[in-house]
Amino acid sequence: MQEAPTSSDRFLLKALGEAAGELQNLLWSASEGQSRESASPPDEGWCLLAIGVHLAEVERSTNLQFETILRRPNAPIHHVDLDDIPFPEDYAYMTINEAISGFAHARQETAYSLWGLTHEQWERTALHPYRGKVALIDLVRDLYKHDLEHLWQARRMLGLDPVARR
């Protein structure tokens, strides 16, 4: 008999959904012009549109990691760069709504792939090229932390966070 998900697993699923919803609402509140404005320190190199594009790319890439772990435990997985700033030419012809929709769709796929997993499945591992053996739950925690970092970043960029965080 397989173990049921733990409260930690359920918390992560809920937290991912809430963080994604907050990010989507925040980015959707920006006008198309605001979405392309370059950020000032400590967020130089970013704009809100780049955050949306980055979130979608990271989500799709981590979904591939999750699929690998679930289908082939202990197999090698690729590295996902959580700090990679997209190049402006990568989103030159994209709107903020397209970027957010891409992220929303990819997050929905993540939720579907994680929903209903057993505790044993959450604990499955893979071989990361830099970190070595890593469990699915650890990668999901990293994704949640990544969401929170970009949520604070977008809040700063929209002038909604009076205290700059580092």
Protein backbone atom coordinates (compact mmCIF):
# COMPACT_ATOMS: atom_id res chain seq x y z
CA MET A 1 0.00 0.00 0.00
CA GLN A 2 1.33 3.45 -0.95
CA GLU A 3 1.41 6.31 1.51
CA ALA A 4 -0.97 9.23 1.01
CA PRO A 5 0.38 12.72 0.40
CA THR A 6 1.55 14.53 3.52
CA SER A 7 0.42 17.95 4.68
CA SER A 8 3.71 19.31 3.33
CA ASP A 9 2.89 17.99 -0.15
CA ARG A 10 -0.62 19.46 -0.02
CA PHE A 11 0.77 22.77 1.27
CA LEU A 12 3.18 23.00 -1.67
CA LEU A 13 0.40 22.38 -4.19
CA LYS A 14 -1.75 25.07 -2.59
CA ALA A 15 1.19 27.47 -2.29
CA LEU A 16 2.13 27.03 -5.96
CA GLY A 17 -1.43 27.85 -6.98
CA GLU A 18 -1.64 30.91 -4.77
CA ALA A 19 1.77 32.26 -5.78
CA ALA A 20 0.95 31.81 -9.46
CA GLY A 21 -2.37 33.58 -9.01
CA GLU A 22 -0.71 36.51 -7.25
CA LEU A 23 1.95 36.77 -9.96
CA GLN A 24 -0.60 36.61 -12.75
CA ASN A 25 -2.83 39.27 -11.17
CA LEU A 26 0.13 41.54 -10.51
CA LEU A 27 1.49 41.23 -14.05
CA TRP A 28 -1.97 41.62 -15.59
CA SER A 29 -2.36 44.89 -13.69
CA ALA A 30 0.51 46.38 -15.71
CA SER A 31 -0.14 48.20 -18.95
CA GLU A 32 1.68 47.07 -22.07
CA GLY A 33 3.95 50.12 -21.75
CA GLN A 34 4.69 49.41 -18.07
CA SER A 35 5.47 45.80 -18.92
CA ARG A 36 8.41 46.86 -21.11
CA GLU A 37 9.93 49.45 -18.77
CA SER A 38 13.44 48.54 -17.65
CA ALA A 39 13.80 48.06 -13.93
CA SER A 40 16.21 49.95 -11.72
CA PRO A 41 18.58 48.33 -9.21
CA PRO A 42 18.38 45.76 -7.73
CA ASP A 43 16.30 44.50 -10.67
CA GLU A 44 18.31 45.86 -13.59
CA GLY A 45 18.11 43.75 -16.73
CA TRP A 46 14.49 42.86 -16.04
CA CYS A 47 11.12 44.23 -17.11
CA LEU A 48 7.70 42.85 -16.18
CA LEU A 49 7.31 41.23 -19.59
CA ALA A 50 10.67 39.47 -19.14
CA ILE A 51 9.45 38.15 -15.78
CA GLY A 52 6.36 36.68 -17.45
CA VAL A 53 8.41 35.08 -20.22
CA HIS A 54 10.94 33.76 -17.69
CA LEU A 55 8.24 32.28 -15.46
CA ALA A 56 6.72 30.40 -18.40
CA GLU A 57 10.11 29.08 -19.54
CA VAL A 58 11.06 27.93 -16.03
CA GLU A 59 7.68 26.29 -15.56
CA ARG A 60 7.92 24.32 -18.81
CA SER A 61 11.48 23.24 -17.99
CA THR A 62 10.68 22.14 -14.45
CA ASN A 63 7.68 20.21 -15.78
CA LEU A 64 10.14 18.20 -17.87
CA GLN A 65 12.19 17.53 -14.74
CA PHE A 66 9.06 16.35 -12.90
CA GLU A 67 8.02 14.08 -15.77
CA THR A 68 11.46 12.49 -15.85
CA ILE A 69 11.47 11.84 -12.11
CA LEU A 70 7.98 10.35 -12.19
CA ARG A 71 8.58 8.16 -15.25
CA ARG A 72 12.20 7.19 -14.64
CA PRO A 73 13.25 7.58 -10.99
CA ASN A 74 16.98 8.15 -10.47
CA ALA A 75 17.47 9.16 -14.11
CA PRO A 76 19.52 12.24 -14.98
CA ILE A 77 17.62 15.52 -15.34
CA HIS A 78 18.68 18.75 -17.00
CA HIS A 79 19.56 21.92 -15.10
CA VAL A 80 16.97 24.71 -15.07
CA ASP A 81 18.50 28.16 -14.64
CA LEU A 82 16.16 29.98 -12.25
CA ASP A 83 18.12 33.23 -12.67
CA ASP A 84 18.27 33.40 -16.47
CA ILE A 85 17.06 36.76 -17.77
CA PRO A 86 15.43 36.42 -21.20
CA PHE A 87 16.93 38.45 -24.03
CA PRO A 88 14.71 41.33 -25.24
CA GLU A 89 14.67 39.81 -28.75
CA ASP A 90 13.08 36.67 -27.23
CA TYR A 91 9.94 38.63 -26.35
CA ALA A 92 10.08 41.58 -28.77
CA TYR A 93 6.84 40.54 -30.49
CA MET A 94 5.09 39.20 -27.40
CA THR A 95 2.50 40.95 -25.22
CA ILE A 96 2.32 40.76 -21.45
CA ASN A 97 -0.99 38.88 -21.81
CA GLU A 98 0.66 36.24 -24.00
CA ALA A 99 3.51 35.81 -21.52
CA ILE A 100 1.15 35.49 -18.56
CA SER A 101 -1.13 33.10 -20.44
CA GLY A 102 1.89 30.93 -21.25
CA PHE A 103 2.85 30.88 -17.59
CA ALA A 104 -0.73 30.15 -16.48
CA HIS A 105 -1.03 27.24 -18.90
CA ALA A 106 2.34 25.80 -17.87
CA ARG A 107 1.47 26.15 -14.16
CA GLN A 108 -1.80 24.34 -14.78
CA GLU A 109 0.18 21.49 -16.33
CA THR A 110 2.43 21.45 -13.25
CA ALA A 111 -0.58 21.24 -10.94
CA TYR A 112 -2.08 18.40 -12.98
CA SER A 113 1.17 16.44 -12.92
CA LEU A 114 1.57 16.84 -9.14
CA TRP A 115 -2.04 16.44 -8.09
CA GLY A 116 -2.77 13.08 -6.51
CA LEU A 117 0.83 11.92 -6.21
CA THR A 118 1.57 9.58 -3.35
CA HIS A 119 4.09 10.41 -0.67
CA GLU A 120 6.45 7.88 -2.31
CA GLN A 121 6.20 9.71 -5.63
CA TRP A 122 6.96 13.07 -4.00
CA GLU A 123 10.12 11.50 -2.56
CA ARG A 124 11.36 10.07 -5.88
CA THR A 125 14.77 11.31 -6.87
CA ALA A 126 16.77 12.13 -9.97
CA LEU A 127 20.36 13.02 -10.72
CA HIS A 128 20.85 16.74 -11.19
CA PRO A 129 24.04 17.73 -13.06
CA TYR A 130 25.17 20.15 -10.31
CA ARG A 131 23.27 19.16 -7.17
CA GLY A 132 23.52 15.40 -7.43
CA LYS A 133 20.61 13.38 -6.09
CA VAL A 134 17.52 15.58 -5.71
CA ALA A 135 13.94 14.68 -4.74
CA LEU A 136 10.84 15.86 -6.59
CA ILE A 137 9.59 17.64 -3.46
CA ASP A 138 12.86 19.62 -3.32
CA LEU A 139 12.41 20.80 -6.90
CA VAL A 140 8.82 21.82 -6.15
CA ARG A 141 10.00 23.79 -3.10
CA ASP A 142 12.58 25.52 -5.31
CA LEU A 143 9.85 26.42 -7.80
CA TYR A 144 7.71 27.92 -5.03
CA LYS A 145 10.64 29.98 -3.70
CA HIS A 146 11.33 31.11 -7.26
CA ASP A 147 7.72 32.32 -7.54
CA LEU A 148 8.04 34.30 -4.32
CA GLU A 149 11.27 35.96 -5.46
CA HIS A 150 9.64 37.16 -8.67
CA LEU A 151 6.50 38.20 -6.81
CA TRP A 152 8.57 40.54 -4.61
CA GLN A 153 10.51 41.69 -7.66
CA ALA A 154 7.34 42.57 -9.61
CA ARG A 155 5.92 44.35 -6.55
CA ARG A 156 9.11 46.44 -6.30
CA MET A 157 9.01 47.22 -10.00
CA LEU A 158 5.39 48.39 -9.75
CA GLY A 159 6.19 50.50 -6.68
CA LEU A 160 4.05 48.32 -4.42
CA ASP A 161 6.82 47.22 -2.07
CA PRO A 162 8.28 50.12 -0.13
CA VAL A 163 11.17 48.04 1.23
CA ALA A 164 13.69 46.72 -1.29
CA ARG A 165 14.58 43.10 -0.50
CA ARG A 166 17.86 41.40 -1.31
